[in-house]
Amino acid sequence: MNAPTQIPVGYSRTLRLREMLQSNRLEFLMEAHNGISARIAREAGFKSIWGSGLSISAQFGVRTTTRRELDAGRR
């Protein structure tokens, strides 16, 4: 993995992600459920970090609502 790098001025994270997705290179991304795990992933050299609603709510012990449950409530 590469060491964390600063994003150049005028170069957005969106553009960086788009380039990664369009590239033919294999990239490794890391999921982070809090600030500490995000920092560890960054220091480990991951080029991208994401957080999902499920992982973040699980950290706080909060139940998530699925699309199926929302649809069932409308009936």
C-alpha atoms as a PDB file:
ATOM      1  CA  MET A   1       0.000   0.000   0.000  1.00  0.00           C
ATOM      2  CA  ASN A   2       1.098   3.515  -0.585  1.00  0.00           C
ATOM      3  CA  ALA A   3       1.721   5.972   2.216  1.00  0.00           C
ATOM      4  CA  PRO A   4      -1.061   8.508   2.790  1.00  0.00           C
ATOM      5  CA  THR A   5      -0.717  11.514   0.549  1.00  0.00           C
ATOM      6  CA  GLN A   6      -2.134  14.997   0.646  1.00  0.00           C
ATOM      7  CA  ILE A   7      -4.662  15.818  -2.042  1.00  0.00           C
ATOM      8  CA  PRO A   8      -3.248  18.567  -4.284  1.00  0.00           C
ATOM      9  CA  VAL A   9      -5.042  21.921  -4.275  1.00  0.00           C
ATOM     10  CA  GLY A  10      -7.899  21.917  -6.773  1.00  0.00           C
ATOM     11  CA  TYR A  11      -7.996  18.110  -6.883  1.00  0.00           C
ATOM     12  CA  SER A  12     -11.165  16.882  -5.224  1.00  0.00           C
ATOM     13  CA  ARG A  13     -11.717  13.584  -3.459  1.00  0.00           C
ATOM     14  CA  THR A  14     -14.554  12.973  -5.901  1.00  0.00           C
ATOM     15  CA  LEU A  15     -12.187  13.234  -8.844  1.00  0.00           C
ATOM     16  CA  ARG A  16      -9.709  10.948  -7.101  1.00  0.00           C
ATOM     17  CA  LEU A  17     -12.407   8.308  -6.494  1.00  0.00           C
ATOM     18  CA  ARG A  18     -13.669   8.604 -10.067  1.00  0.00           C
ATOM     19  CA  GLU A  19     -10.158   8.000 -11.394  1.00  0.00           C
ATOM     20  CA  MET A  20      -9.781   4.948  -9.155  1.00  0.00           C
ATOM     21  CA  LEU A  21     -13.090   3.496 -10.365  1.00  0.00           C
ATOM     22  CA  GLN A  22     -12.239   4.055 -14.038  1.00  0.00           C
ATOM     23  CA  SER A  23      -8.706   2.693 -13.711  1.00  0.00           C
ATOM     24  CA  ASN A  24      -7.758  -0.841 -14.705  1.00  0.00           C
ATOM     25  CA  ARG A  25      -5.683  -1.147 -11.532  1.00  0.00           C
ATOM     26  CA  LEU A  26      -6.832  -3.184  -8.554  1.00  0.00           C
ATOM     27  CA  GLU A  27      -7.347  -0.899  -5.558  1.00  0.00           C
ATOM     28  CA  PHE A  28      -8.033  -1.798  -1.950  1.00  0.00           C
ATOM     29  CA  LEU A  29     -10.515   0.288   0.026  1.00  0.00           C
ATOM     30  CA  MET A  30     -11.204   0.054   3.749  1.00  0.00           C
ATOM     31  CA  GLU A  31     -14.426   0.480   5.660  1.00  0.00           C
ATOM     32  CA  ALA A  32     -14.301   2.578   8.811  1.00  0.00           C
ATOM     33  CA  HIS A  33     -17.020   2.683  11.445  1.00  0.00           C
ATOM     34  CA  ASN A  34     -15.533   5.504  13.526  1.00  0.00           C
ATOM     35  CA  GLY A  35     -12.801   8.111  13.503  1.00  0.00           C
ATOM     36  CA  ILE A  36     -10.194   5.812  15.013  1.00  0.00           C
ATOM     37  CA  SER A  37     -10.635   3.080  12.399  1.00  0.00           C
ATOM     38  CA  ALA A  38     -10.618   5.749   9.656  1.00  0.00           C
ATOM     39  CA  ARG A  39      -7.332   7.095  10.946  1.00  0.00           C
ATOM     40  CA  ILE A  40      -5.815   3.605  11.129  1.00  0.00           C
ATOM     41  CA  ALA A  41      -6.931   2.918   7.537  1.00  0.00           C
ATOM     42  CA  ARG A  42      -5.456   6.225   6.381  1.00  0.00           C
ATOM     43  CA  GLU A  43      -2.152   5.628   8.162  1.00  0.00           C
ATOM     44  CA  ALA A  44      -2.036   2.099   6.710  1.00  0.00           C
ATOM     45  CA  GLY A  45      -2.083   3.686   3.257  1.00  0.00           C
ATOM     46  CA  PHE A  46      -5.541   2.860   1.945  1.00  0.00           C
ATOM     47  CA  LYS A  47      -6.397   5.190  -0.924  1.00  0.00           C
ATOM     48  CA  SER A  48     -10.050   5.363  -0.005  1.00  0.00           C
ATOM     49  CA  ILE A  49     -12.161   4.885   3.118  1.00  0.00           C
ATOM     50  CA  TRP A  50     -15.927   4.529   3.369  1.00  0.00           C
ATOM     51  CA  GLY A  51     -18.450   4.131   6.146  1.00  0.00           C
ATOM     52  CA  SER A  52     -21.760   2.343   5.752  1.00  0.00           C
ATOM     53  CA  GLY A  53     -24.908   3.020   7.689  1.00  0.00           C
ATOM     54  CA  LEU A  54     -24.899  -0.551   8.993  1.00  0.00           C
ATOM     55  CA  SER A  55     -21.368  -0.422  10.385  1.00  0.00           C
ATOM     56  CA  ILE A  56     -21.847   2.982  11.978  1.00  0.00           C
ATOM     57  CA  SER A  57     -25.198   2.076  13.563  1.00  0.00           C
ATOM     58  CA  ALA A  58     -23.773  -1.252  14.790  1.00  0.00           C
ATOM     59  CA  GLN A  59     -21.003   0.625  16.570  1.00  0.00           C
ATOM     60  CA  PHE A  60     -23.632   2.551  18.538  1.00  0.00           C
ATOM     61  CA  GLY A  61     -25.892  -0.471  19.024  1.00  0.00           C
ATOM     62  CA  VAL A  62     -28.681   1.106  17.001  1.00  0.00           C
ATOM     63  CA  ARG A  63     -30.951  -1.002  14.832  1.00  0.00           C
ATOM     64  CA  THR A  64     -31.016  -0.077  11.148  1.00  0.00           C
ATOM     65  CA  THR A  65     -34.150   0.041   9.070  1.00  0.00           C
ATOM     66  CA  THR A  66     -34.089  -1.902   5.833  1.00  0.00           C
ATOM     67  CA  ARG A  67     -35.916  -1.023   2.651  1.00  0.00           C
ATOM     68  CA  ARG A  68     -38.112  -4.102   3.112  1.00  0.00           C
ATOM     69  CA  GLU A  69     -39.239  -2.852   6.530  1.00  0.00           C
ATOM     70  CA  LEU A  70     -40.035   0.577   5.105  1.00  0.00           C
ATOM     71  CA  ASP A  71     -42.091  -0.975   2.306  1.00  0.00           C
ATOM     72  CA  ALA A  72     -43.957  -3.232   4.754  1.00  0.00           C
ATOM     73  CA  GLY A  73     -44.860  -0.212   6.904  1.00  0.00           C
ATOM     74  CA  ARG A  74     -46.561   1.478   3.969  1.00  0.00           C
ATOM     75  CA  ARG A  75     -49.030  -1.353   3.465  1.00  0.00           C
END
